mmCIF file of all heavy atoms, coordinates in Angstrom:
data_MODEL
# 
_entry.id   MODEL 
# 
loop_
_atom_site.group_PDB 
_atom_site.id 
_atom_site.type_symbol 
_atom_site.label_atom_id 
_atom_site.label_alt_id 
_atom_site.label_comp_id 
_atom_site.label_asym_id 
_atom_site.label_entity_id 
_atom_site.label_seq_id 
_atom_site.pdbx_PDB_ins_code 
_atom_site.Cartn_x 
_atom_site.Cartn_y 
_atom_site.Cartn_z 
_atom_site.occupancy 
_atom_site.B_iso_or_equiv 
_atom_site.pdbx_formal_charge 
_atom_site.auth_seq_id 
_atom_site.auth_comp_id 
_atom_site.auth_asym_id 
_atom_site.auth_atom_id 
_atom_site.pdbx_PDB_model_num 
ATOM 1   N N   . ARG A 1 1  ? 92.470  99.176  104.782 1.00 0.00 ? 1  ARG A N   1 
ATOM 2   C CA  . ARG A 1 1  ? 92.026  100.316 105.605 1.00 0.00 ? 1  ARG A CA  1 
ATOM 3   C C   . ARG A 1 1  ? 90.684  100.018 106.272 1.00 0.00 ? 1  ARG A C   1 
ATOM 4   O O   . ARG A 1 1  ? 90.495  100.308 107.454 1.00 0.00 ? 1  ARG A O   1 
ATOM 5   C CB  . ARG A 1 1  ? 91.925  101.580 104.758 1.00 0.00 ? 1  ARG A CB  1 
ATOM 6   C CG  . ARG A 1 1  ? 93.265  102.230 104.474 1.00 0.00 ? 1  ARG A CG  1 
ATOM 7   C CD  . ARG A 1 1  ? 93.129  103.622 103.879 1.00 0.00 ? 1  ARG A CD  1 
ATOM 8   N NE  . ARG A 1 1  ? 92.402  103.643 102.620 1.00 0.00 ? 1  ARG A NE  1 
ATOM 9   C CZ  . ARG A 1 1  ? 92.940  103.417 101.423 1.00 0.00 ? 1  ARG A CZ  1 
ATOM 10  N NH1 . ARG A 1 1  ? 94.224  103.145 101.319 1.00 0.00 ? 1  ARG A NH1 1 
ATOM 11  N NH2 . ARG A 1 1  ? 92.209  103.468 100.331 1.00 0.00 ? 1  ARG A NH2 1 
ATOM 12  N N   . ARG A 1 2  ? 89.748  99.444  105.497 1.00 0.00 ? 2  ARG A N   1 
ATOM 13  C CA  . ARG A 1 2  ? 88.421  99.131  106.056 1.00 0.00 ? 2  ARG A CA  1 
ATOM 14  C C   . ARG A 1 2  ? 88.518  98.145  107.210 1.00 0.00 ? 2  ARG A C   1 
ATOM 15  O O   . ARG A 1 2  ? 87.767  98.231  108.174 1.00 0.00 ? 2  ARG A O   1 
ATOM 16  C CB  . ARG A 1 2  ? 87.511  98.539  104.975 1.00 0.00 ? 2  ARG A CB  1 
ATOM 17  C CG  . ARG A 1 2  ? 86.697  99.530  104.209 1.00 0.00 ? 2  ARG A CG  1 
ATOM 18  C CD  . ARG A 1 2  ? 85.555  98.901  103.429 1.00 0.00 ? 2  ARG A CD  1 
ATOM 19  N NE  . ARG A 1 2  ? 85.847  97.627  102.812 1.00 0.00 ? 2  ARG A NE  1 
ATOM 20  C CZ  . ARG A 1 2  ? 86.410  97.441  101.604 1.00 0.00 ? 2  ARG A CZ  1 
ATOM 21  N NH1 . ARG A 1 2  ? 86.775  98.472  100.882 1.00 0.00 ? 2  ARG A NH1 1 
ATOM 22  N NH2 . ARG A 1 2  ? 86.615  96.238  101.131 1.00 0.00 ? 2  ARG A NH2 1 
ATOM 23  N N   . THR A 1 3  ? 89.414  97.184  107.085 1.00 0.00 ? 3  THR A N   1 
ATOM 24  C CA  . THR A 1 3  ? 89.537  96.152  108.119 1.00 0.00 ? 3  THR A CA  1 
ATOM 25  C C   . THR A 1 3  ? 90.576  96.503  109.178 1.00 0.00 ? 3  THR A C   1 
ATOM 26  O O   . THR A 1 3  ? 90.864  95.691  110.064 1.00 0.00 ? 3  THR A O   1 
ATOM 27  C CB  . THR A 1 3  ? 89.878  94.794  107.481 1.00 0.00 ? 3  THR A CB  1 
ATOM 28  O OG1 . THR A 1 3  ? 91.099  94.915  106.739 1.00 0.00 ? 3  THR A OG1 1 
ATOM 29  C CG2 . THR A 1 3  ? 88.761  94.307  106.573 1.00 0.00 ? 3  THR A CG2 1 
ATOM 30  N N   . LYS A 1 4  ? 91.143  97.708  109.046 1.00 0.00 ? 4  LYS A N   1 
ATOM 31  C CA  . LYS A 1 4  ? 92.115  98.215  110.033 1.00 0.00 ? 4  LYS A CA  1 
ATOM 32  C C   . LYS A 1 4  ? 93.303  97.262  110.209 1.00 0.00 ? 4  LYS A C   1 
ATOM 33  O O   . LYS A 1 4  ? 93.689  96.918  111.332 1.00 0.00 ? 4  LYS A O   1 
ATOM 34  C CB  . LYS A 1 4  ? 91.432  98.488  111.371 1.00 0.00 ? 4  LYS A CB  1 
ATOM 35  C CG  . LYS A 1 4  ? 90.429  99.622  111.300 1.00 0.00 ? 4  LYS A CG  1 
ATOM 36  C CD  . LYS A 1 4  ? 89.825  99.877  112.652 1.00 0.00 ? 4  LYS A CD  1 
ATOM 37  C CE  . LYS A 1 4  ? 88.959  101.093 112.688 1.00 0.00 ? 4  LYS A CE  1 
ATOM 38  N NZ  . LYS A 1 4  ? 87.861  101.205 111.821 1.00 0.00 ? 4  LYS A NZ  1 
ATOM 39  N N   . GLN A 1 5  ? 93.845  96.826  109.084 1.00 0.00 ? 5  GLN A N   1 
ATOM 40  C CA  . GLN A 1 5  ? 95.063  96.028  109.119 1.00 0.00 ? 5  GLN A CA  1 
ATOM 41  C C   . GLN A 1 5  ? 95.980  96.489  107.992 1.00 0.00 ? 5  GLN A C   1 
ATOM 42  O O   . GLN A 1 5  ? 95.545  97.203  107.096 1.00 0.00 ? 5  GLN A O   1 
ATOM 43  C CB  . GLN A 1 5  ? 94.749  94.534  109.000 1.00 0.00 ? 5  GLN A CB  1 
ATOM 44  C CG  . GLN A 1 5  ? 93.969  94.123  107.768 1.00 0.00 ? 5  GLN A CG  1 
ATOM 45  C CD  . GLN A 1 5  ? 93.592  92.660  107.808 1.00 0.00 ? 5  GLN A CD  1 
ATOM 46  O OE1 . GLN A 1 5  ? 94.217  91.873  108.496 1.00 0.00 ? 5  GLN A OE1 1 
ATOM 47  N NE2 . GLN A 1 5  ? 92.557  92.288  107.103 1.00 0.00 ? 5  GLN A NE2 1 
ATOM 48  N N   . ASN A 1 6  ? 97.227  96.096  108.056 1.00 0.00 ? 6  ASN A N   1 
ATOM 49  C CA  . ASN A 1 6  ? 98.119  96.526  106.987 1.00 0.00 ? 6  ASN A CA  1 
ATOM 50  C C   . ASN A 1 6  ? 97.966  95.608  105.771 1.00 0.00 ? 6  ASN A C   1 
ATOM 51  O O   . ASN A 1 6  ? 97.326  94.559  105.839 1.00 0.00 ? 6  ASN A O   1 
ATOM 52  C CB  . ASN A 1 6  ? 99.572  96.625  107.458 1.00 0.00 ? 6  ASN A CB  1 
ATOM 53  C CG  . ASN A 1 6  ? 100.140 95.300  107.889 1.00 0.00 ? 6  ASN A CG  1 
ATOM 54  O OD1 . ASN A 1 6  ? 99.888  94.257  107.292 1.00 0.00 ? 6  ASN A OD1 1 
ATOM 55  N ND2 . ASN A 1 6  ? 100.939 95.331  108.942 1.00 0.00 ? 6  ASN A ND2 1 
ATOM 56  N N   . ARG A 1 7  ? 98.545  96.021  104.674 1.00 0.00 ? 7  ARG A N   1 
ATOM 57  C CA  . ARG A 1 7  ? 98.415  95.288  103.411 1.00 0.00 ? 7  ARG A CA  1 
ATOM 58  C C   . ARG A 1 7  ? 98.934  93.847  103.545 1.00 0.00 ? 7  ARG A C   1 
ATOM 59  O O   . ARG A 1 7  ? 98.309  92.906  103.068 1.00 0.00 ? 7  ARG A O   1 
ATOM 60  C CB  . ARG A 1 7  ? 99.194  96.027  102.330 1.00 0.00 ? 7  ARG A CB  1 
ATOM 61  C CG  . ARG A 1 7  ? 99.059  95.408  100.969 1.00 0.00 ? 7  ARG A CG  1 
ATOM 62  C CD  . ARG A 1 7  ? 100.039 96.025  99.984  1.00 0.00 ? 7  ARG A CD  1 
ATOM 63  N NE  . ARG A 1 7  ? 99.794  97.432  99.768  1.00 0.00 ? 7  ARG A NE  1 
ATOM 64  C CZ  . ARG A 1 7  ? 100.709 98.273  99.322  1.00 0.00 ? 7  ARG A CZ  1 
ATOM 65  N NH1 . ARG A 1 7  ? 101.934 97.868  99.068  1.00 0.00 ? 7  ARG A NH1 1 
ATOM 66  N NH2 . ARG A 1 7  ? 100.404 99.548  99.133  1.00 0.00 ? 7  ARG A NH2 1 
ATOM 67  N N   . SER A 1 8  ? 100.063 93.686  104.208 1.00 0.00 ? 8  SER A N   1 
ATOM 68  C CA  . SER A 1 8  ? 100.643 92.348  104.362 1.00 0.00 ? 8  SER A CA  1 
ATOM 69  C C   . SER A 1 8  ? 99.707  91.418  105.122 1.00 0.00 ? 8  SER A C   1 
ATOM 70  O O   . SER A 1 8  ? 99.521  90.259  104.751 1.00 0.00 ? 8  SER A O   1 
ATOM 71  C CB  . SER A 1 8  ? 101.995 92.426  105.077 1.00 0.00 ? 8  SER A CB  1 
ATOM 72  O OG  . SER A 1 8  ? 102.941 93.078  104.262 1.00 0.00 ? 8  SER A OG  1 
ATOM 73  N N   . ALA A 1 9  ? 99.119  91.917  106.203 1.00 0.00 ? 9  ALA A N   1 
ATOM 74  C CA  . ALA A 1 9  ? 98.194  91.098  106.991 1.00 0.00 ? 9  ALA A CA  1 
ATOM 75  C C   . ALA A 1 9  ? 96.974  90.718  106.156 1.00 0.00 ? 9  ALA A C   1 
ATOM 76  O O   . ALA A 1 9  ? 96.506  89.580  106.208 1.00 0.00 ? 9  ALA A O   1 
ATOM 77  C CB  . ALA A 1 9  ? 97.771  91.841  108.253 1.00 0.00 ? 9  ALA A CB  1 
ATOM 78  N N   . LEU A 1 10 ? 96.462  91.678  105.393 1.00 0.00 ? 10 LEU A N   1 
ATOM 79  C CA  . LEU A 1 10 ? 95.308  91.398  104.530 1.00 0.00 ? 10 LEU A CA  1 
ATOM 80  C C   . LEU A 1 10 ? 95.642  90.294  103.530 1.00 0.00 ? 10 LEU A C   1 
ATOM 81  O O   . LEU A 1 10 ? 94.876  89.340  103.359 1.00 0.00 ? 10 LEU A O   1 
ATOM 82  C CB  . LEU A 1 10 ? 94.886  92.663  103.783 1.00 0.00 ? 10 LEU A CB  1 
ATOM 83  C CG  . LEU A 1 10 ? 93.739  92.455  102.801 1.00 0.00 ? 10 LEU A CG  1 
ATOM 84  C CD1 . LEU A 1 10 ? 92.417  92.579  103.531 1.00 0.00 ? 10 LEU A CD1 1 
ATOM 85  C CD2 . LEU A 1 10 ? 93.821  93.432  101.660 1.00 0.00 ? 10 LEU A CD2 1 
ATOM 86  N N   . ILE A 1 11 ? 96.803  90.389  102.897 1.00 0.00 ? 11 ILE A N   1 
ATOM 87  C CA  . ILE A 1 11 ? 97.190  89.400  101.893 1.00 0.00 ? 11 ILE A CA  1 
ATOM 88  C C   . ILE A 1 11 ? 97.450  88.044  102.543 1.00 0.00 ? 11 ILE A C   1 
ATOM 89  O O   . ILE A 1 11 ? 97.050  87.000  102.007 1.00 0.00 ? 11 ILE A O   1 
ATOM 90  C CB  . ILE A 1 11 ? 98.399  89.907  101.085 1.00 0.00 ? 11 ILE A CB  1 
ATOM 91  C CG1 . ILE A 1 11 ? 97.958  91.111  100.237 1.00 0.00 ? 11 ILE A CG1 1 
ATOM 92  C CG2 . ILE A 1 11 ? 98.995  88.808  100.213 1.00 0.00 ? 11 ILE A CG2 1 
ATOM 93  C CD1 . ILE A 1 11 ? 99.081  91.854  99.563  1.00 0.00 ? 11 ILE A CD1 1 
ATOM 94  N N   . ARG A 1 12 ? 98.070  88.019  103.713 1.00 0.00 ? 12 ARG A N   1 
ATOM 95  C CA  . ARG A 1 12 ? 98.279  86.746  104.428 1.00 0.00 ? 12 ARG A CA  1 
ATOM 96  C C   . ARG A 1 12 ? 96.946  86.075  104.736 1.00 0.00 ? 12 ARG A C   1 
ATOM 97  O O   . ARG A 1 12 ? 96.767  84.877  104.507 1.00 0.00 ? 12 ARG A O   1 
ATOM 98  C CB  . ARG A 1 12 ? 99.054  86.977  105.730 1.00 0.00 ? 12 ARG A CB  1 
ATOM 99  C CG  . ARG A 1 12 ? 100.543 87.097  105.557 1.00 0.00 ? 12 ARG A CG  1 
ATOM 100 C CD  . ARG A 1 12 ? 101.270 86.998  106.896 1.00 0.00 ? 12 ARG A CD  1 
ATOM 101 N NE  . ARG A 1 12 ? 100.819 87.989  107.865 1.00 0.00 ? 12 ARG A NE  1 
ATOM 102 C CZ  . ARG A 1 12 ? 101.339 89.216  107.962 1.00 0.00 ? 12 ARG A CZ  1 
ATOM 103 N NH1 . ARG A 1 12 ? 102.307 89.605  107.147 1.00 0.00 ? 12 ARG A NH1 1 
ATOM 104 N NH2 . ARG A 1 12 ? 100.893 90.053  108.872 1.00 0.00 ? 12 ARG A NH2 1 
ATOM 105 N N   . ASP A 1 13 ? 95.989  86.868  105.264 1.00 0.00 ? 13 ASP A N   1 
ATOM 106 C CA  . ASP A 1 13 ? 94.667  86.313  105.596 1.00 0.00 ? 13 ASP A CA  1 
ATOM 107 C C   . ASP A 1 13 ? 93.962  85.792  104.348 1.00 0.00 ? 13 ASP A C   1 
ATOM 108 O O   . ASP A 1 13 ? 93.376  84.707  104.362 1.00 0.00 ? 13 ASP A O   1 
ATOM 109 C CB  . ASP A 1 13 ? 93.790  87.365  106.278 1.00 0.00 ? 13 ASP A CB  1 
ATOM 110 C CG  . ASP A 1 13 ? 94.234  87.676  107.689 1.00 0.00 ? 13 ASP A CG  1 
ATOM 111 O OD1 . ASP A 1 13 ? 95.069  86.920  108.242 1.00 0.00 ? 13 ASP A OD1 1 
ATOM 112 O OD2 . ASP A 1 13 ? 93.761  88.692  108.241 1.00 0.00 ? 13 ASP A OD2 1 
ATOM 113 N N   . ALA A 1 14 ? 94.029  86.560  103.267 1.00 0.00 ? 14 ALA A N   1 
ATOM 114 C CA  . ALA A 1 14 ? 93.373  86.150  102.022 1.00 0.00 ? 14 ALA A CA  1 
ATOM 115 C C   . ALA A 1 14 ? 93.995  84.864  101.481 1.00 0.00 ? 14 ALA A C   1 
ATOM 116 O O   . ALA A 1 14 ? 93.286  83.954  101.029 1.00 0.00 ? 14 ALA A O   1 
ATOM 117 C CB  . ALA A 1 14 ? 93.471  87.265  100.981 1.00 0.00 ? 14 ALA A CB  1 
ATOM 118 N N   . LEU A 1 15 ? 95.313  84.757  101.546 1.00 0.00 ? 15 LEU A N   1 
ATOM 119 C CA  . LEU A 1 15 ? 95.983  83.553  101.062 1.00 0.00 ? 15 LEU A CA  1 
ATOM 120 C C   . LEU A 1 15 ? 95.642  82.349  101.928 1.00 0.00 ? 15 LEU A C   1 
ATOM 121 O O   . LEU A 1 15 ? 95.382  81.255  101.413 1.00 0.00 ? 15 LEU A O   1 
ATOM 122 C CB  . LEU A 1 15 ? 97.497  83.790  101.016 1.00 0.00 ? 15 LEU A CB  1 
ATOM 123 C CG  . LEU A 1 15 ? 98.337  82.645  100.459 1.00 0.00 ? 15 LEU A CG  1 
ATOM 124 C CD1 . LEU A 1 15 ? 97.879  82.245  99.060  1.00 0.00 ? 15 LEU A CD1 1 
ATOM 125 C CD2 . LEU A 1 15 ? 99.801  83.038  100.453 1.00 0.00 ? 15 LEU A CD2 1 
ATOM 126 N N   . ARG A 1 16 ? 95.600  82.531  103.255 1.00 0.00 ? 16 ARG A N   1 
ATOM 127 C CA  . ARG A 1 16 ? 95.205  81.424  104.146 1.00 0.00 ? 16 ARG A CA  1 
ATOM 128 C C   . ARG A 1 16 ? 93.797  80.929  103.808 1.00 0.00 ? 16 ARG A C   1 
ATOM 129 O O   . ARG A 1 16 ? 93.543  79.732  103.739 1.00 0.00 ? 16 ARG A O   1 
ATOM 130 C CB  . ARG A 1 16 ? 95.244  81.882  105.602 1.00 0.00 ? 16 ARG A CB  1 
ATOM 131 C CG  . ARG A 1 16 ? 96.597  81.867  106.213 1.00 0.00 ? 16 ARG A CG  1 
ATOM 132 C CD  . ARG A 1 16 ? 96.516  82.128  107.730 1.00 0.00 ? 16 ARG A CD  1 
ATOM 133 N NE  . ARG A 1 16 ? 97.808  82.556  108.195 1.00 0.00 ? 16 ARG A NE  1 
ATOM 134 C CZ  . ARG A 1 16 ? 98.155  83.819  108.486 1.00 0.00 ? 16 ARG A CZ  1 
ATOM 135 N NH1 . ARG A 1 16 ? 97.257  84.786  108.402 1.00 0.00 ? 16 ARG A NH1 1 
ATOM 136 N NH2 . ARG A 1 16 ? 99.362  84.112  108.889 1.00 0.00 ? 16 ARG A NH2 1 
ATOM 137 N N   . GLN A 1 17 ? 92.869  81.870  103.633 1.00 0.00 ? 17 GLN A N   1 
ATOM 138 C CA  . GLN A 1 17 ? 91.488  81.499  103.304 1.00 0.00 ? 17 GLN A CA  1 
ATOM 139 C C   . GLN A 1 17 ? 91.422  80.778  101.962 1.00 0.00 ? 17 GLN A C   1 
ATOM 140 O O   . GLN A 1 17 ? 90.715  79.777  101.825 1.00 0.00 ? 17 GLN A O   1 
ATOM 141 C CB  . GLN A 1 17 ? 90.598  82.734  103.277 1.00 0.00 ? 17 GLN A CB  1 
ATOM 142 C CG  . GLN A 1 17 ? 90.339  83.328  104.635 1.00 0.00 ? 17 GLN A CG  1 
ATOM 143 C CD  . GLN A 1 17 ? 89.542  84.618  104.547 1.00 0.00 ? 17 GLN A CD  1 
ATOM 144 O OE1 . GLN A 1 17 ? 88.897  84.909  103.552 1.00 0.00 ? 17 GLN A OE1 1 
ATOM 145 N NE2 . GLN A 1 17 ? 89.594  85.410  105.613 1.00 0.00 ? 17 GLN A NE2 1 
ATOM 146 N N   . HIS A 1 18 ? 92.147  81.270  100.996 1.00 0.00 ? 18 HIS A N   1 
ATOM 147 C CA  . HIS A 1 18 ? 92.144  80.646  99.678  1.00 0.00 ? 18 HIS A CA  1 
ATOM 148 C C   . HIS A 1 18 ? 92.713  79.226  99.745  1.00 0.00 ? 18 HIS A C   1 
ATOM 149 O O   . HIS A 1 18 ? 92.133  78.293  99.181  1.00 0.00 ? 18 HIS A O   1 
ATOM 150 C CB  . HIS A 1 18 ? 92.939  81.491  98.685  1.00 0.00 ? 18 HIS A CB  1 
ATOM 151 C CG  . HIS A 1 18 ? 92.980  80.903  97.315  1.00 0.00 ? 18 HIS A CG  1 
ATOM 152 N ND1 . HIS A 1 18 ? 91.865  80.824  96.504  1.00 0.00 ? 18 HIS A ND1 1 
ATOM 153 C CD2 . HIS A 1 18 ? 93.990  80.320  96.621  1.00 0.00 ? 18 HIS A CD2 1 
ATOM 154 C CE1 . HIS A 1 18 ? 92.184  80.242  95.369  1.00 0.00 ? 18 HIS A CE1 1 
ATOM 155 N NE2 . HIS A 1 18 ? 93.472  79.922  95.417  1.00 0.00 ? 18 HIS A NE2 1 
ATOM 156 N N   . LEU A 1 19 ? 93.823  79.051  100.452 1.00 0.00 ? 19 LEU A N   1 
ATOM 157 C CA  . LEU A 1 19 ? 94.420  77.720  100.582 1.00 0.00 ? 19 LEU A CA  1 
ATOM 158 C C   . LEU A 1 19 ? 93.481  76.768  101.307 1.00 0.00 ? 19 LEU A C   1 
ATOM 159 O O   . LEU A 1 19 ? 93.380  75.586  100.954 1.00 0.00 ? 19 LEU A O   1 
ATOM 160 C CB  . LEU A 1 19 ? 95.769  77.815  101.294 1.00 0.00 ? 19 LEU A CB  1 
ATOM 161 C CG  . LEU A 1 19 ? 96.871  78.543  100.522 1.00 0.00 ? 19 LEU A CG  1 
ATOM 162 C CD1 . LEU A 1 19 ? 98.110  78.727  101.401 1.00 0.00 ? 19 LEU A CD1 1 
ATOM 163 C CD2 . LEU A 1 19 ? 97.202  77.821  99.229  1.00 0.00 ? 19 LEU A CD2 1 
ATOM 164 N N   . ARG A 1 20 ? 92.780  77.254  102.313 1.00 0.00 ? 20 ARG A N   1 
ATOM 165 C CA  . ARG A 1 20 ? 91.810  76.415  103.036 1.00 0.00 ? 20 ARG A CA  1 
ATOM 166 C C   . ARG A 1 20 ? 90.673  76.000  102.108 1.00 0.00 ? 20 ARG A C   1 
ATOM 167 O O   . ARG A 1 20 ? 90.242  74.851  102.110 1.00 0.00 ? 20 ARG A O   1 
ATOM 168 C CB  . ARG A 1 20 ? 91.277  77.159  104.260 1.00 0.00 ? 20 ARG A CB  1 
ATOM 169 C CG  . ARG A 1 20 ? 90.256  76.383  105.046 1.00 0.00 ? 20 ARG A CG  1 
ATOM 170 C CD  . ARG A 1 20 ? 90.849  75.132  105.649 1.00 0.00 ? 20 ARG A CD  1 
ATOM 171 N NE  . ARG A 1 20 ? 89.804  74.371  106.307 1.00 0.00 ? 20 ARG A NE  1 
ATOM 172 C CZ  . ARG A 1 20 ? 89.688  73.060  106.270 1.00 0.00 ? 20 ARG A CZ  1 
ATOM 173 N NH1 . ARG A 1 20 ? 90.586  72.331  105.652 1.00 0.00 ? 20 ARG A NH1 1 
ATOM 174 N NH2 . ARG A 1 20 ? 88.696  72.452  106.867 1.00 0.00 ? 20 ARG A NH2 1 
ATOM 175 N N   . ARG A 1 21 ? 90.170  76.947  101.279 1.00 0.00 ? 21 ARG A N   1 
ATOM 176 C CA  . ARG A 1 21 ? 89.106  76.606  100.320 1.00 0.00 ? 21 ARG A CA  1 
ATOM 177 C C   . ARG A 1 21 ? 89.580  75.556  99.329  1.00 0.00 ? 21 ARG A C   1 
ATOM 178 O O   . ARG A 1 21 ? 88.832  74.642  98.980  1.00 0.00 ? 21 ARG A O   1 
ATOM 179 C CB  . ARG A 1 21 ? 88.615  77.854  99.595  1.00 0.00 ? 21 ARG A CB  1 
ATOM 180 C CG  . ARG A 1 21 ? 87.638  78.694  100.400 1.00 0.00 ? 21 ARG A CG  1 
ATOM 181 C CD  . ARG A 1 21 ? 86.938  79.742  99.551  1.00 0.00 ? 21 ARG A CD  1 
ATOM 182 N NE  . ARG A 1 21 ? 87.855  80.632  98.871  1.00 0.00 ? 21 ARG A NE  1 
ATOM 183 C CZ  . ARG A 1 21 ? 88.325  81.773  99.360  1.00 0.00 ? 21 ARG A CZ  1 
ATOM 184 N NH1 . ARG A 1 21 ? 87.954  82.180  100.560 1.00 0.00 ? 21 ARG A NH1 1 
ATOM 185 N NH2 . ARG A 1 21 ? 89.153  82.525  98.665  1.00 0.00 ? 21 ARG A NH2 1 
ATOM 186 N N   . LEU A 1 22 ? 90.822  75.685  98.869  1.00 0.00 ? 22 LEU A N   1 
ATOM 187 C CA  . LEU A 1 22 ? 91.368  74.689  97.949  1.00 0.00 ? 22 LEU A CA  1 
ATOM 188 C C   . LEU A 1 22 ? 91.437  73.309  98.611  1.00 0.00 ? 22 LEU A C   1 
ATOM 189 O O   . LEU A 1 22 ? 91.117  72.288  97.999  1.00 0.00 ? 22 LEU A O   1 
ATOM 190 C CB  . LEU A 1 22 ? 92.768  75.091  97.472  1.00 0.00 ? 22 LEU A CB  1 
ATOM 191 C CG  . LEU A 1 22 ? 92.858  76.274  96.520  1.00 0.00 ? 22 LEU A CG  1 
ATOM 192 C CD1 . LEU A 1 22 ? 94.323  76.591  96.228  1.00 0.00 ? 22 LEU A CD1 1 
ATOM 193 C CD2 . LEU A 1 22 ? 92.095  76.003  95.236  1.00 0.00 ? 22 LEU A CD2 1 
ATOM 194 N N   . GLU A 1 23 ? 91.836  73.288  99.877  1.00 0.00 ? 23 GLU A N   1 
ATOM 195 C CA  . GLU A 1 23 ? 91.917  72.024  100.622 1.00 0.00 ? 23 GLU A CA  1 
ATOM 196 C C   . GLU A 1 23 ? 90.534  71.390  100.771 1.00 0.00 ? 23 GLU A C   1 
ATOM 197 O O   . GLU A 1 23 ? 90.361  70.195  100.540 1.00 0.00 ? 23 GLU A O   1 
ATOM 198 C CB  . GLU A 1 23 ? 92.532  72.290  101.997 1.00 0.00 ? 23 GLU A CB  1 
ATOM 199 C CG  . GLU A 1 23 ? 92.694  71.056  102.851 1.00 0.00 ? 23 GLU A CG  1 
ATOM 200 C CD  . GLU A 1 23 ? 93.250  71.393  104.231 1.00 0.00 ? 23 GLU A CD  1 
ATOM 201 O OE1 . GLU A 1 23 ? 93.782  72.493  104.429 1.00 0.00 ? 23 GLU A OE1 1 
ATOM 202 O OE2 . GLU A 1 23 ? 93.140  70.526  105.111 1.00 0.00 ? 23 GLU A OE2 1 
ATOM 203 N N   . VAL A 1 24 ? 89.547  72.202  101.129 1.00 0.00 ? 24 VAL A N   1 
ATOM 204 C CA  . VAL A 1 24 ? 88.181  71.693  101.285 1.00 0.00 ? 24 VAL A CA  1 
ATOM 205 C C   . VAL A 1 24 ? 87.656  71.175  99.951  1.00 0.00 ? 24 VAL A C   1 
ATOM 206 O O   . VAL A 1 24 ? 87.051  70.105  99.880  1.00 0.00 ? 24 VAL A O   1 
ATOM 207 C CB  . VAL A 1 24 ? 87.244  72.790  101.860 1.00 0.00 ? 24 VAL A CB  1 
ATOM 208 C CG1 . VAL A 1 24 ? 85.786  72.406  101.743 1.00 0.00 ? 24 VAL A CG1 1 
ATOM 209 C CG2 . VAL A 1 24 ? 87.618  73.075  103.314 1.00 0.00 ? 24 VAL A CG2 1 
# 
């Protein structure tokens, strides 16, 4: 709600960021 996106989009973004951190 704070970021004005739906739950799925939030989780997709969080997973992408997490996977990128793991790669780095």
